[in-house]
Amino acid sequence: MPTLCSTNFVRPRALSCLPPSAALSMKSILLACVVLFQAGVLRAQMQAANRAAEANGITQEDQKGIDEDVALHLGSVPADPGPKAKLSASLQPAAVLTAVRKVADWELASTQPYFARDWEWGTLYTGFMAASEATGDTRYRDAMLKMAEGFHWELVAKLPDANEQCVGQTYLELYLAKPAPEKIQPIRAALDDLVAGKAREVPPEEIQTAWWMADWLYMAPPVWTRMYAATHERKYLEYLDKHWWENSDRLYDTQHHLFYRDLSYVRGKRDRHGNPTFWSRGNGWVMGGLVRMLTYLPEDDPNRGRYETQLREMAAEVASIQDKKNGLWHADLLDAEDYPQPENSGSAFLTFALAWGVNHGVLDRATYLPVIAKAWRGLLDNIYADGRLGNIQQTGDSPAHYLASSTYIYGVGAYLLAGAQVAQLEAHAAKATHPRNPAQ
């Protein structure tokens, strides 16, 4: 007669059958079976995840990065994320803000216990600030205020690189909403040291400038225009202009109107087809940083026309390579064959920048509204019922592979920024485009 544990559970051979014994209580047998069942479920989930990873082309190096990011609470990658959400793709503000709240609420609940000051978190915070303003829900802003107060309004380092400046965008927005000396003193001291010529060492193989990679055009420039807005000291804009164009002069491809991530790509890194590699998130960083910087750059700034021209050039290019089926962009912007999934941190930043450009009269509404509508619909197609935004690439410096359930905080920040701008499209329907001479 079979014992109680003679089931179809997968288990180690040593425990394949627990013989009845007067010394072994029924409770112990049941407990052992539960443990074995749970182990079997976990093993099945891991096997499913491994099969999915293999199907998605995830390499060992990709998996190492994924595991590290999950361990740092930057995101999660469940084998079964559950069903997709049912959200309206309408561009009506109410529909857009419903989708914004769904993701923002899930993200806030999931991440608040782990808040930190690194760039990944700084990017998420910019999204929470935008979501609070767009929805009128003060919970997101209140969480940002609590975060800033908990860190005493300080950056990670007294002499910060661009990544370490990113959280300052949120500090300064909170300061501008309600000025108080303690909110601005630490970051102002840090930026003043940089203006004075102090700087972190730049790797010898990179551009010899403070902002030597494309990513850093999101992390730092918006900080500097917000500091100008807070102080009206032009030295902050002069520092911005110098370092933006030192980066752009080396990394911006004037033929493709896209940015290389760093000099290693300029020097010849190519995909397997021999094409140059333009990273989706890398170009998202640039366009997102560009419009966030422009938000606080004075309208009469002598360099504003040059920045707006670069935005127009990049916008035209990314619109032309938008995926016609899903409305999004791939991890490698020019290689959908090897990277067939949408990549939603890059896609969300690009959507954000395009919508901002239309709302502020920099981009032509008739040209870009259909592009934005397709992209917004595509982003909503990647939201799960609990509020998770999927298809976000893990941290890195180049295109990679990932599961569809993959979510990370910086990608959600980009999505919230995009939603806040998409929600304003109707209000700016009559906004006229104002082409500006680059020299102005």
Protein backbone atom coordinates (compact mmCIF):
# COMPACT_ATOMS: atom_id res chain seq x y z
CA MET A 1 0.00 0.00 0.00
CA PRO A 2 1.48 3.40 -0.93
CA THR A 3 2.47 5.80 1.81
CA LEU A 4 1.03 9.30 2.10
CA CYS A 5 3.91 10.82 0.11
CA SER A 6 3.69 8.40 -2.79
CA THR A 7 2.59 11.19 -5.13
CA ASN A 8 3.71 12.60 -8.44
CA PHE A 9 5.68 15.41 -6.77
CA VAL A 10 9.22 15.87 -8.10
CA ARG A 11 11.63 15.38 -5.21
CA PRO A 12 15.10 14.10 -4.32
CA ARG A 13 15.49 10.31 -4.50
CA ALA A 14 16.34 10.10 -0.78
CA LEU A 15 12.87 11.41 0.02
CA SER A 16 11.02 9.61 -2.74
CA CYS A 17 9.09 7.66 -0.18
CA LEU A 18 8.79 8.28 3.53
CA PRO A 19 7.95 4.93 5.18
CA PRO A 20 5.29 4.91 7.87
CA SER A 21 6.73 4.72 11.31
CA ALA A 22 5.45 4.97 14.77
CA ALA A 23 8.16 7.56 15.38
CA LEU A 24 7.02 9.77 12.53
CA SER A 25 3.80 11.63 13.15
CA MET A 26 1.23 12.34 10.50
CA LYS A 27 1.96 16.06 10.98
CA SER A 28 5.61 15.55 10.08
CA ILE A 29 4.69 13.58 6.98
CA LEU A 30 2.31 16.26 5.81
CA LEU A 31 4.90 18.97 6.45
CA ALA A 32 7.51 17.07 4.46
CA CYS A 33 5.10 16.70 1.58
CA VAL A 34 4.29 20.42 1.60
CA VAL A 35 7.99 21.27 1.53
CA LEU A 36 8.55 18.89 -1.36
CA PHE A 37 5.58 20.29 -3.24
CA GLN A 38 6.84 23.86 -2.79
CA ALA A 39 10.29 22.82 -3.94
CA GLY A 40 8.75 21.25 -7.01
CA VAL A 41 6.77 24.39 -7.80
CA LEU A 42 9.87 26.53 -7.38
CA ARG A 43 11.87 24.20 -9.61
CA ALA A 44 9.16 24.33 -12.26
CA GLN A 45 9.10 28.12 -12.11
CA MET A 46 12.89 28.29 -12.46
CA GLN A 47 12.80 25.90 -15.38
CA ALA A 48 10.09 27.99 -17.04
CA ALA A 49 12.11 31.14 -16.47
CA ASN A 50 15.23 29.50 -17.91
CA ARG A 51 13.32 28.34 -20.99
CA ALA A 52 11.93 31.83 -21.47
CA ALA A 53 15.40 33.34 -21.05
CA GLU A 54 16.84 31.01 -23.67
CA ALA A 55 13.98 31.80 -26.05
CA ASN A 56 14.65 35.52 -25.61
CA GLY A 57 18.36 35.18 -26.35
CA ILE A 58 19.42 36.12 -22.81
CA THR A 59 23.14 35.42 -22.42
CA GLN A 60 24.98 34.57 -19.22
CA GLU A 61 26.26 38.14 -19.13
CA ASP A 62 22.71 39.45 -19.54
CA GLN A 63 21.53 37.19 -16.72
CA LYS A 64 24.31 38.34 -14.42
CA GLY A 65 23.21 41.94 -14.88
CA ILE A 66 19.57 41.01 -14.34
CA ASP A 67 20.38 39.18 -11.11
CA GLU A 68 22.44 42.09 -9.80
CA ASP A 69 19.71 44.62 -10.56
CA VAL A 70 17.04 42.52 -8.88
CA ALA A 71 19.25 42.06 -5.81
CA LEU A 72 19.57 45.87 -5.59
CA HIS A 73 15.76 46.24 -5.72
CA LEU A 74 15.95 48.11 -9.02
CA GLY A 75 13.28 45.91 -10.55
CA SER A 76 11.93 42.41 -10.90
CA VAL A 77 11.53 39.75 -13.57
CA PRO A 78 8.83 37.19 -12.68
CA ALA A 79 8.40 34.11 -14.82
CA ASP A 80 4.64 34.68 -14.71
CA PRO A 81 3.66 38.35 -14.38
CA GLY A 82 -0.03 37.59 -14.76
CA PRO A 83 -2.54 39.03 -17.21
CA LYS A 84 -2.22 42.35 -19.00
CA ALA A 85 -4.15 45.42 -17.87
CA LYS A 86 -7.15 46.63 -19.81
CA LEU A 87 -6.48 50.31 -20.41
CA SER A 88 -7.87 52.76 -22.92
CA ALA A 89 -5.37 54.06 -25.47
CA SER A 90 -7.38 57.26 -25.87
CA LEU A 91 -5.38 60.47 -25.65
CA GLN A 92 -8.14 62.07 -23.60
CA PRO A 93 -6.56 63.31 -20.35
CA ALA A 94 -8.76 61.19 -18.09
CA ALA A 95 -7.80 57.97 -19.89
CA VAL A 96 -4.11 58.86 -19.96
CA LEU A 97 -4.02 59.76 -16.28
CA THR A 98 -5.78 56.53 -15.34
CA ALA A 99 -2.90 54.66 -16.97
CA VAL A 100 -0.37 56.93 -15.26
CA ARG A 101 -1.88 56.32 -11.82
CA LYS A 102 -2.04 52.57 -12.31
CA VAL A 103 1.70 52.30 -12.89
CA ALA A 104 2.67 55.01 -10.40
CA ASP A 105 0.68 53.44 -7.56
CA TRP A 106 2.18 49.99 -8.11
CA GLU A 107 5.68 51.40 -8.42
CA LEU A 108 5.45 53.56 -5.31
CA ALA A 109 4.18 50.67 -3.21
CA SER A 110 6.86 48.34 -4.60
CA THR A 111 9.88 50.61 -4.29
CA GLN A 112 9.44 53.12 -1.47
CA PRO A 113 11.11 50.93 1.18
CA TYR A 114 14.29 50.88 -0.93
CA PHE A 115 14.64 54.53 -2.00
CA ALA A 116 18.25 55.58 -2.64
CA ARG A 117 20.13 58.41 -4.38
CA ASP A 118 21.70 56.63 -7.34
CA TRP A 119 20.84 57.57 -10.93
CA GLU A 120 18.32 54.76 -11.32
CA TRP A 121 16.33 56.16 -8.41
CA GLY A 122 16.87 59.76 -9.46
CA THR A 123 15.26 58.94 -12.80
CA LEU A 124 12.26 57.34 -11.10
CA TYR A 125 11.85 60.40 -8.89
CA THR A 126 11.61 62.70 -11.91
CA GLY A 127 8.67 60.57 -13.04
CA PHE A 128 6.96 60.70 -9.67
CA MET A 129 7.25 64.50 -9.64
CA ALA A 130 5.71 64.70 -13.11
CA ALA A 131 2.95 62.26 -12.17
CA SER A 132 2.07 64.28 -9.08
CA GLU A 133 1.75 67.48 -11.07
CA ALA A 134 -0.22 65.83 -13.87
CA THR A 135 -2.67 63.93 -11.68
CA GLY A 136 -2.92 66.34 -8.78
CA ASP A 137 -2.15 63.43 -6.46
CA THR A 138 0.14 64.74 -3.75
CA ARG A 139 1.13 61.27 -2.55
CA TYR A 140 3.89 61.05 -5.13
CA ARG A 141 5.31 64.48 -4.31
CA ASP A 142 4.99 63.79 -0.58
CA ALA A 143 7.01 60.61 -1.03
CA MET A 144 9.68 62.62 -2.83
CA LEU A 145 9.77 65.21 -0.06
CA LYS A 146 10.14 62.49 2.55
CA MET A 147 12.95 60.94 0.51
CA ALA A 148 14.79 64.25 0.17
CA GLU A 149 14.46 65.06 3.85
CA GLY A 150 15.66 61.58 4.75
CA PHE A 151 18.84 62.17 2.75
CA HIS A 152 19.19 65.73 4.14
CA TRP A 153 19.04 67.10 0.58
CA GLU A 154 22.53 65.76 -0.04
CA LEU A 155 23.96 64.07 -3.11
CA VAL A 156 25.86 60.78 -2.91
CA ALA A 157 29.19 62.61 -3.25
CA LYS A 158 30.40 66.11 -2.46
CA LEU A 159 32.11 66.24 -5.88
CA PRO A 160 29.50 64.39 -7.93
CA ASP A 161 29.73 62.95 -11.40
CA ALA A 162 26.67 63.28 -13.63
CA ASN A 163 25.01 60.10 -12.33
CA GLU A 164 25.31 61.38 -8.79
CA GLN A 165 23.73 64.70 -9.74
CA CYS A 166 20.51 63.15 -11.07
CA VAL A 167 18.62 63.13 -7.76
CA GLY A 168 19.28 66.88 -7.63
CA GLN A 169 16.60 67.39 -10.28
CA THR A 170 13.99 66.41 -7.72
CA TYR A 171 15.62 68.34 -4.88
CA LEU A 172 15.55 71.50 -6.97
CA GLU A 173 11.97 71.03 -8.16
CA LEU A 174 10.91 70.68 -4.53
CA TYR A 175 12.94 73.79 -3.69
CA LEU A 176 11.38 75.81 -6.51
CA ALA A 177 7.91 74.82 -5.28
CA LYS A 178 8.67 75.88 -1.73
CA PRO A 179 12.10 77.52 -1.25
CA ALA A 180 14.10 76.88 1.90
CA PRO A 181 17.89 77.25 2.29
CA GLU A 182 18.50 73.69 3.49
CA LYS A 183 16.98 72.28 0.30
CA ILE A 184 19.50 73.90 -2.00
CA GLN A 185 22.68 74.44 0.01
CA PRO A 186 24.34 71.00 -0.44
CA ILE A 187 23.75 70.72 -4.18
CA ARG A 188 24.64 74.35 -4.80
CA ALA A 189 27.95 73.87 -3.03
CA ALA A 190 28.65 70.80 -5.18
CA LEU A 191 27.84 72.57 -8.46
CA ASP A 192 29.88 75.60 -7.45
CA ASP A 193 32.90 73.36 -6.94
CA LEU A 194 32.42 71.96 -10.43
CA VAL A 195 32.10 75.45 -11.90
CA ALA A 196 35.33 76.38 -10.10
CA GLY A 197 37.16 73.66 -11.99
CA LYS A 198 37.10 70.74 -9.61
CA ALA A 199 36.15 67.53 -11.37
CA ARG A 200 36.19 63.77 -11.19
CA GLU A 201 38.82 62.00 -13.28
CA VAL A 202 37.68 61.06 -16.78
CA PRO A 203 38.80 57.69 -18.23
CA PRO A 204 41.61 58.36 -20.72
CA GLU A 205 39.81 56.57 -23.56
CA GLU A 206 36.72 58.78 -23.27
CA ILE A 207 35.91 62.37 -24.24
CA GLN A 208 37.85 64.60 -21.89
CA THR A 209 34.81 66.39 -20.57
CA ALA A 210 32.68 65.99 -17.46
CA TRP A 211 29.77 64.51 -19.42
CA TRP A 212 31.52 61.92 -21.54
CA MET A 213 28.67 59.47 -22.24
CA ALA A 214 25.22 59.95 -23.78
CA ASP A 215 23.45 58.83 -20.61
CA TRP A 216 24.81 61.79 -18.70
CA LEU A 217 22.92 64.26 -20.86
CA TYR A 218 19.86 63.18 -18.91
CA MET A 219 21.43 62.95 -15.48
CA ALA A 220 23.07 66.36 -15.23
CA PRO A 221 21.87 69.10 -17.65
CA PRO A 222 18.35 69.39 -16.15
CA VAL A 223 19.98 69.97 -12.76
CA TRP A 224 21.91 72.94 -14.10
CA THR A 225 18.93 74.73 -15.66
CA ARG A 226 16.93 74.20 -12.46
CA MET A 227 19.79 75.65 -10.46
CA TYR A 228 19.74 78.65 -12.79
CA ALA A 229 15.99 79.00 -12.22
CA ALA A 230 16.61 78.96 -8.48
CA THR A 231 19.52 81.43 -8.45
CA HIS A 232 19.49 83.32 -11.79
CA GLU A 233 23.27 82.95 -11.92
CA ARG A 234 24.35 82.54 -15.51
CA LYS A 235 27.47 80.56 -14.63
CA TYR A 236 25.29 77.45 -14.39
CA LEU A 237 24.07 77.87 -17.98
CA GLU A 238 27.60 78.52 -19.20
CA TYR A 239 28.77 75.26 -17.63
CA LEU A 240 25.82 73.47 -19.23
CA ASP A 241 26.51 74.84 -22.72
CA LYS A 242 30.19 73.97 -22.58
CA HIS A 243 29.73 70.37 -21.53
CA TRP A 244 26.65 69.57 -23.62
CA TRP A 245 28.32 70.58 -26.85
CA GLU A 246 31.65 68.95 -25.96
CA ASN A 247 29.68 65.72 -25.69
CA SER A 248 27.53 66.34 -28.75
CA ASP A 249 30.46 67.28 -30.96
CA ARG A 250 31.93 63.80 -30.48
CA LEU A 251 28.94 61.49 -29.95
CA TYR A 252 26.21 62.96 -32.18
CA ASP A 253 26.13 61.39 -35.63
CA THR A 254 25.11 64.18 -37.99
CA GLN A 255 24.13 61.68 -40.70
CA HIS A 256 21.84 59.48 -38.62
CA HIS A 257 20.87 62.26 -36.19
CA LEU A 258 21.35 59.90 -33.27
CA PHE A 259 23.86 59.68 -30.42
CA TYR A 260 26.44 56.99 -29.88
CA ARG A 261 26.55 55.88 -26.28
CA ASP A 262 30.29 56.63 -25.87
CA LEU A 263 33.47 56.85 -27.92
CA SER A 264 33.89 53.07 -28.17
CA TYR A 265 30.90 53.07 -30.55
CA VAL A 266 32.28 55.99 -32.53
CA ARG A 267 35.56 54.11 -32.94
CA GLY A 268 33.92 51.20 -34.66
CA LYS A 269 31.64 49.01 -32.52
CA ARG A 270 29.16 47.56 -35.00
CA ASP A 271 26.33 45.06 -34.95
CA ARG A 272 26.69 41.71 -36.72
CA HIS A 273 25.36 43.28 -39.91
CA GLY A 274 28.09 45.90 -39.91
CA ASN A 275 25.76 48.76 -38.99
CA PRO A 276 26.54 51.35 -36.32
CA THR A 277 24.91 50.68 -32.96
CA PHE A 278 22.53 53.29 -31.63
CA TRP A 279 21.15 52.26 -28.27
CA SER A 280 17.48 52.98 -27.67
CA ARG A 281 17.84 53.99 -24.04
CA GLY A 282 21.00 55.95 -24.79
CA ASN A 283 19.13 58.12 -27.27
CA GLY A 284 16.19 58.24 -24.89
CA TRP A 285 18.51 59.64 -22.25
CA VAL A 286 19.60 62.38 -24.62
CA MET A 287 16.14 63.39 -25.85
CA GLY A 288 14.64 63.14 -22.37
CA GLY A 289 17.46 65.20 -20.91
CA LEU A 290 17.21 67.70 -23.72
CA VAL A 291 13.54 68.51 -23.11
CA ARG A 292 13.89 68.47 -19.32
CA MET A 293 16.77 70.91 -19.67
CA LEU A 294 14.79 73.10 -22.09
CA THR A 295 11.87 73.27 -19.64
CA TYR A 296 13.90 75.60 -17.42
CA LEU A 297 16.15 77.22 -20.04
CA PRO A 298 15.07 80.85 -20.58
CA GLU A 299 13.13 81.46 -23.79
CA ASP A 300 15.58 84.22 -24.74
CA ASP A 301 18.70 82.18 -24.06
CA PRO A 302 21.11 82.67 -26.98
CA ASN A 303 21.71 78.92 -27.32
CA ARG A 304 18.10 77.79 -27.11
CA GLY A 305 17.65 77.67 -30.88
CA ARG A 306 20.61 75.31 -31.25
CA TYR A 307 19.16 72.90 -28.68
CA GLU A 308 15.73 72.98 -30.32
CA THR A 309 17.27 72.25 -33.70
CA GLN A 310 18.95 69.16 -32.29
CA LEU A 311 15.62 68.04 -30.83
CA ARG A 312 13.93 68.45 -34.23
CA GLU A 313 16.64 66.48 -36.00
CA MET A 314 16.49 63.60 -33.54
CA ALA A 315 12.69 63.60 -33.48
CA ALA A 316 12.50 63.22 -37.25
CA GLU A 317 14.91 60.30 -37.13
CA VAL A 318 13.25 58.37 -34.32
CA ALA A 319 9.83 58.87 -35.91
CA SER A 320 11.13 57.32 -39.11
CA ILE A 321 12.36 54.15 -37.36
CA GLN A 322 9.36 53.62 -35.08
CA ASP A 323 8.15 50.01 -35.22
CA LYS A 324 5.10 50.09 -37.47
CA LYS A 325 3.42 47.18 -35.67
CA ASN A 326 3.78 47.98 -31.97
CA GLY A 327 4.57 51.71 -32.15
CA LEU A 328 7.70 51.39 -30.01
CA TRP A 329 11.47 51.22 -30.47
CA HIS A 330 13.94 48.34 -30.15
CA ALA A 331 16.97 48.09 -27.85
CA ASP A 332 19.17 48.59 -30.91
CA LEU A 333 17.37 51.27 -32.88
CA LEU A 334 18.62 49.98 -36.23
CA ASP A 335 18.53 46.23 -35.57
CA ALA A 336 15.03 44.89 -35.00
CA GLU A 337 16.11 41.47 -36.28
CA ASP A 338 18.48 40.73 -33.40
CA TYR A 339 16.46 42.74 -30.85
CA PRO A 340 12.83 42.11 -31.81
CA GLN A 341 11.25 43.09 -28.48
CA PRO A 342 10.25 46.66 -27.73
CA GLU A 343 12.51 48.34 -25.18
CA ASN A 344 10.34 50.50 -22.99
CA SER A 345 12.79 52.68 -21.11
CA GLY A 346 14.04 54.04 -24.42
CA SER A 347 10.56 54.03 -25.94
CA ALA A 348 9.08 55.93 -23.00
CA PHE A 349 11.80 58.59 -23.05
CA LEU A 350 11.35 59.08 -26.78
CA THR A 351 7.58 59.35 -26.37
CA PHE A 352 8.08 61.85 -23.57
CA ALA A 353 10.39 64.01 -25.68
CA LEU A 354 8.10 63.96 -28.71
CA ALA A 355 5.03 64.88 -26.65
CA TRP A 356 6.94 67.63 -24.86
CA GLY A 357 8.09 69.01 -28.22
CA VAL A 358 4.52 69.15 -29.54
CA ASN A 359 3.17 70.68 -26.32
CA HIS A 360 5.81 73.40 -26.38
CA GLY A 361 5.54 74.27 -30.06
CA VAL A 362 8.97 72.90 -30.99
CA LEU A 363 7.64 69.95 -33.03
CA ASP A 364 4.85 70.02 -35.60
CA ARG A 365 1.66 68.61 -34.12
CA ALA A 366 0.26 67.15 -37.34
CA THR A 367 3.50 65.28 -38.00
CA TYR A 368 4.15 63.88 -34.56
CA LEU A 369 0.74 63.32 -32.97
CA PRO A 370 0.20 60.03 -34.87
CA VAL A 371 3.70 58.89 -33.80
CA ILE A 372 2.95 59.72 -30.17
CA ALA A 373 -0.47 58.03 -30.28
CA LYS A 374 1.05 54.78 -31.61
CA ALA A 375 3.83 54.88 -29.03
CA TRP A 376 1.44 55.51 -26.14
CA ARG A 377 -0.76 52.63 -27.27
CA GLY A 378 2.33 50.44 -27.46
CA LEU A 379 3.41 51.34 -23.94
CA LEU A 380 -0.05 50.54 -22.57
CA ASP A 381 0.12 47.13 -24.24
CA ASN A 382 3.06 46.35 -21.95
CA ILE A 383 1.30 47.11 -18.66
CA TYR A 384 0.14 44.21 -16.52
CA ALA A 385 -3.00 44.06 -14.41
CA ASP A 386 -1.12 44.88 -11.20
CA GLY A 387 0.50 47.99 -12.70
CA ARG A 388 3.86 46.52 -13.75
CA LEU A 389 5.38 48.03 -16.90
CA GLY A 390 7.26 45.30 -18.77
CA ASN A 391 9.89 45.01 -21.51
CA ILE A 392 12.42 47.26 -19.81
CA GLN A 393 16.07 46.42 -20.33
CA GLN A 394 18.27 45.93 -17.27
CA THR A 395 21.07 48.40 -16.52
CA GLY A 396 23.95 48.38 -18.98
CA ASP A 397 25.69 50.37 -21.66
CA SER A 398 24.46 48.71 -24.84
CA PRO A 399 21.49 46.80 -26.29
CA ALA A 400 20.72 43.54 -24.47
CA HIS A 401 18.01 40.90 -24.11
CA TYR A 402 15.41 40.52 -21.35
CA LEU A 403 12.06 38.93 -20.55
CA ALA A 404 8.78 40.60 -21.40
CA SER A 405 7.99 40.83 -17.66
CA SER A 406 11.19 42.75 -16.97
CA THR A 407 10.58 46.03 -15.13
CA TYR A 408 13.06 48.54 -13.72
CA ILE A 409 12.61 51.81 -11.88
CA TYR A 410 14.24 54.14 -14.42
CA GLY A 411 11.97 52.85 -17.19
CA VAL A 412 8.95 53.53 -15.03
CA GLY A 413 10.23 57.05 -14.39
CA ALA A 414 10.41 57.57 -18.14
CA TYR A 415 6.88 56.21 -18.59
CA LEU A 416 5.47 58.59 -15.95
CA LEU A 417 7.19 61.52 -17.67
CA ALA A 418 5.69 60.42 -20.99
CA GLY A 419 2.22 60.05 -19.53
CA ALA A 420 2.34 63.48 -17.95
CA GLN A 421 3.09 65.04 -21.34
CA VAL A 422 0.65 62.88 -23.33
CA ALA A 423 -2.08 63.97 -20.92
CA GLN A 424 -1.42 67.60 -21.91
CA LEU A 425 -1.72 67.10 -25.66
CA GLU A 426 -5.40 68.04 -25.73
CA ALA A 427 -4.82 71.21 -23.72
CA HIS A 428 -2.14 72.31 -26.20
CA ALA A 429 -4.15 71.46 -29.32
CA ALA A 430 -4.02 75.05 -30.53
CA LYS A 431 -0.31 75.47 -29.83
CA ALA A 432 1.49 76.87 -32.85
CA THR A 433 4.89 75.52 -33.86
CA HIS A 434 7.60 78.15 -33.62
CA PRO A 435 10.65 77.24 -35.69
CA ARG A 436 13.64 78.98 -34.18
CA ASN A 437 16.86 79.89 -35.89
CA PRO A 438 19.71 77.81 -34.44
CA ALA A 439 21.72 80.96 -33.95
CA GLN A 440 19.04 82.56 -31.83
